[in-house]
Amino acid sequence: MRAAEAVGAFDSLFFTADGRLVEGGRSNVFLQLDGRWWTPPLADGALPGVMRGLLLEDPAWAAAERPLTRADLARAEAVVVCNALRGAVPARLAT
């Protein structure tokens, strides 16, 4: 997290050992792929955040769980990080 903050970032993303996206250090993450919103499944290690649950239940988002990879992240049309304090916030990737 300190490395992310040092470059002005709010969060950094965590991945499993085999490269599946899990979540952010302070947030859950959603990717828009082919017009649909996806978030990593709890089985991959994501925590059941309050805002994550609300977005999954919101028909306007039509979001669902599925395993997400680094390749999915690279091709995402949009990235949103969310938590109960900040809500859903559009994100951009910094390397």
C-alpha atoms as a PDB file:
ATOM      1  CA  MET A   1       0.000   0.000   0.000  1.00  0.00           C
ATOM      2  CA  ARG A   2       2.803   2.441   0.766  1.00  0.00           C
ATOM      3  CA  ALA A   3       4.195   2.024  -2.735  1.00  0.00           C
ATOM      4  CA  ALA A   4       0.758   2.790  -4.181  1.00  0.00           C
ATOM      5  CA  GLU A   5       0.332   5.829  -1.942  1.00  0.00           C
ATOM      6  CA  ALA A   6       3.819   7.072  -2.860  1.00  0.00           C
ATOM      7  CA  VAL A   7       2.662   7.532  -6.452  1.00  0.00           C
ATOM      8  CA  GLY A   8      -0.686   9.058  -5.464  1.00  0.00           C
ATOM      9  CA  ALA A   9      -2.776   5.893  -5.763  1.00  0.00           C
ATOM     10  CA  PHE A  10      -5.651   5.036  -3.426  1.00  0.00           C
ATOM     11  CA  ASP A  11      -5.257   1.283  -3.566  1.00  0.00           C
ATOM     12  CA  SER A  12      -3.253  -1.602  -4.947  1.00  0.00           C
ATOM     13  CA  LEU A  13      -4.687  -4.809  -6.364  1.00  0.00           C
ATOM     14  CA  PHE A  14      -3.996  -8.296  -5.044  1.00  0.00           C
ATOM     15  CA  PHE A  15      -3.749 -11.465  -7.123  1.00  0.00           C
ATOM     16  CA  THR A  16      -3.600 -15.170  -6.318  1.00  0.00           C
ATOM     17  CA  ALA A  17      -0.349 -17.049  -6.900  1.00  0.00           C
ATOM     18  CA  ASP A  18      -1.683 -18.198 -10.272  1.00  0.00           C
ATOM     19  CA  GLY A  19      -2.646 -14.696 -11.395  1.00  0.00           C
ATOM     20  CA  ARG A  20      -6.350 -14.365 -10.579  1.00  0.00           C
ATOM     21  CA  LEU A  21      -7.507 -10.926  -9.430  1.00  0.00           C
ATOM     22  CA  VAL A  22      -8.793 -10.964  -5.840  1.00  0.00           C
ATOM     23  CA  GLU A  23      -9.411  -7.424  -4.531  1.00  0.00           C
ATOM     24  CA  GLY A  24      -7.761  -4.212  -3.498  1.00  0.00           C
ATOM     25  CA  GLY A  25      -6.070  -3.617  -0.172  1.00  0.00           C
ATOM     26  CA  ARG A  26      -8.882  -1.240   0.799  1.00  0.00           C
ATOM     27  CA  SER A  27     -11.613  -2.200  -1.599  1.00  0.00           C
ATOM     28  CA  ASN A  28     -13.373  -4.731  -3.740  1.00  0.00           C
ATOM     29  CA  VAL A  29     -12.956  -4.448  -7.489  1.00  0.00           C
ATOM     30  CA  PHE A  30     -15.304  -4.684 -10.469  1.00  0.00           C
ATOM     31  CA  LEU A  31     -14.270  -4.904 -14.121  1.00  0.00           C
ATOM     32  CA  GLN A  32     -16.454  -4.063 -17.091  1.00  0.00           C
ATOM     33  CA  LEU A  33     -15.851  -6.600 -19.857  1.00  0.00           C
ATOM     34  CA  ASP A  34     -17.906  -6.615 -23.055  1.00  0.00           C
ATOM     35  CA  GLY A  35     -20.401  -4.256 -21.424  1.00  0.00           C
ATOM     36  CA  ARG A  36     -20.976  -6.414 -18.330  1.00  0.00           C
ATOM     37  CA  TRP A  37     -19.711  -5.901 -14.770  1.00  0.00           C
ATOM     38  CA  TRP A  38     -17.770  -8.697 -13.068  1.00  0.00           C
ATOM     39  CA  THR A  39     -16.162  -9.095  -9.643  1.00  0.00           C
ATOM     40  CA  PRO A  40     -13.908 -11.875  -8.367  1.00  0.00           C
ATOM     41  CA  PRO A  41     -15.693 -14.678  -6.501  1.00  0.00           C
ATOM     42  CA  LEU A  42     -15.316 -15.065  -2.754  1.00  0.00           C
ATOM     43  CA  ALA A  43     -13.824 -18.503  -3.434  1.00  0.00           C
ATOM     44  CA  ASP A  44     -10.769 -16.745  -4.939  1.00  0.00           C
ATOM     45  CA  GLY A  45     -10.161 -14.945  -1.644  1.00  0.00           C
ATOM     46  CA  ALA A  46     -12.186 -11.739  -2.012  1.00  0.00           C
ATOM     47  CA  LEU A  47     -13.772 -10.434   1.170  1.00  0.00           C
ATOM     48  CA  PRO A  48     -17.563  -9.990   1.204  1.00  0.00           C
ATOM     49  CA  GLY A  49     -17.546  -6.190   1.339  1.00  0.00           C
ATOM     50  CA  VAL A  50     -20.753  -4.297   2.088  1.00  0.00           C
ATOM     51  CA  MET A  51     -20.581  -2.176  -1.081  1.00  0.00           C
ATOM     52  CA  ARG A  52     -19.639  -5.238  -3.138  1.00  0.00           C
ATOM     53  CA  GLY A  53     -22.815  -6.926  -1.935  1.00  0.00           C
ATOM     54  CA  LEU A  54     -24.923  -3.871  -2.734  1.00  0.00           C
ATOM     55  CA  LEU A  55     -23.543  -3.628  -6.268  1.00  0.00           C
ATOM     56  CA  LEU A  56     -24.120  -7.337  -6.871  1.00  0.00           C
ATOM     57  CA  GLU A  57     -27.756  -6.898  -5.769  1.00  0.00           C
ATOM     58  CA  ASP A  58     -28.319  -3.699  -7.794  1.00  0.00           C
ATOM     59  CA  PRO A  59     -30.190  -4.527 -11.030  1.00  0.00           C
ATOM     60  CA  ALA A  60     -28.720  -1.416 -12.703  1.00  0.00           C
ATOM     61  CA  TRP A  61     -25.248  -2.962 -12.415  1.00  0.00           C
ATOM     62  CA  ALA A  62     -26.299  -6.480 -13.454  1.00  0.00           C
ATOM     63  CA  ALA A  63     -22.972  -7.573 -11.945  1.00  0.00           C
ATOM     64  CA  ALA A  64     -21.921 -11.144 -11.298  1.00  0.00           C
ATOM     65  CA  GLU A  65     -18.981 -13.098  -9.945  1.00  0.00           C
ATOM     66  CA  ARG A  66     -16.423 -14.870 -12.084  1.00  0.00           C
ATOM     67  CA  PRO A  67     -12.697 -15.538 -11.924  1.00  0.00           C
ATOM     68  CA  LEU A  68     -10.792 -12.590 -13.384  1.00  0.00           C
ATOM     69  CA  THR A  69      -7.229 -12.600 -14.677  1.00  0.00           C
ATOM     70  CA  ARG A  70      -4.508 -10.051 -15.363  1.00  0.00           C
ATOM     71  CA  ALA A  71      -5.498 -10.317 -19.033  1.00  0.00           C
ATOM     72  CA  ASP A  72      -9.092  -9.392 -18.112  1.00  0.00           C
ATOM     73  CA  LEU A  73      -7.793  -6.408 -16.166  1.00  0.00           C
ATOM     74  CA  ALA A  74      -5.697  -5.295 -19.150  1.00  0.00           C
ATOM     75  CA  ARG A  75      -8.668  -5.420 -21.523  1.00  0.00           C
ATOM     76  CA  ALA A  76     -11.298  -4.026 -19.141  1.00  0.00           C
ATOM     77  CA  GLU A  77     -13.444  -1.222 -20.534  1.00  0.00           C
ATOM     78  CA  ALA A  78     -13.736   0.215 -17.016  1.00  0.00           C
ATOM     79  CA  VAL A  79     -12.499  -0.546 -13.511  1.00  0.00           C
ATOM     80  CA  VAL A  80     -14.337   0.387 -10.321  1.00  0.00           C
ATOM     81  CA  VAL A  81     -13.094  -0.038  -6.765  1.00  0.00           C
ATOM     82  CA  CYS A  82     -15.583   0.126  -3.933  1.00  0.00           C
ATOM     83  CA  ASN A  83     -15.918   0.077  -0.186  1.00  0.00           C
ATOM     84  CA  ALA A  84     -18.516   1.154   2.356  1.00  0.00           C
ATOM     85  CA  LEU A  85     -16.761   4.453   3.098  1.00  0.00           C
ATOM     86  CA  ARG A  86     -16.118   5.746  -0.444  1.00  0.00           C
ATOM     87  CA  GLY A  87     -18.819   3.905  -2.380  1.00  0.00           C
ATOM     88  CA  ALA A  88     -18.086   2.895  -5.973  1.00  0.00           C
ATOM     89  CA  VAL A  89     -15.243   4.906  -7.508  1.00  0.00           C
ATOM     90  CA  PRO A  90     -13.966   4.710 -11.102  1.00  0.00           C
ATOM     91  CA  ALA A  91     -10.315   3.692 -11.138  1.00  0.00           C
ATOM     92  CA  ARG A  92      -7.462   3.825 -13.572  1.00  0.00           C
ATOM     93  CA  LEU A  93      -4.452   1.582 -13.562  1.00  0.00           C
ATOM     94  CA  ALA A  94      -0.980   2.858 -12.807  1.00  0.00           C
ATOM     95  CA  THR A  95       2.044   0.655 -13.259  1.00  0.00           C
END
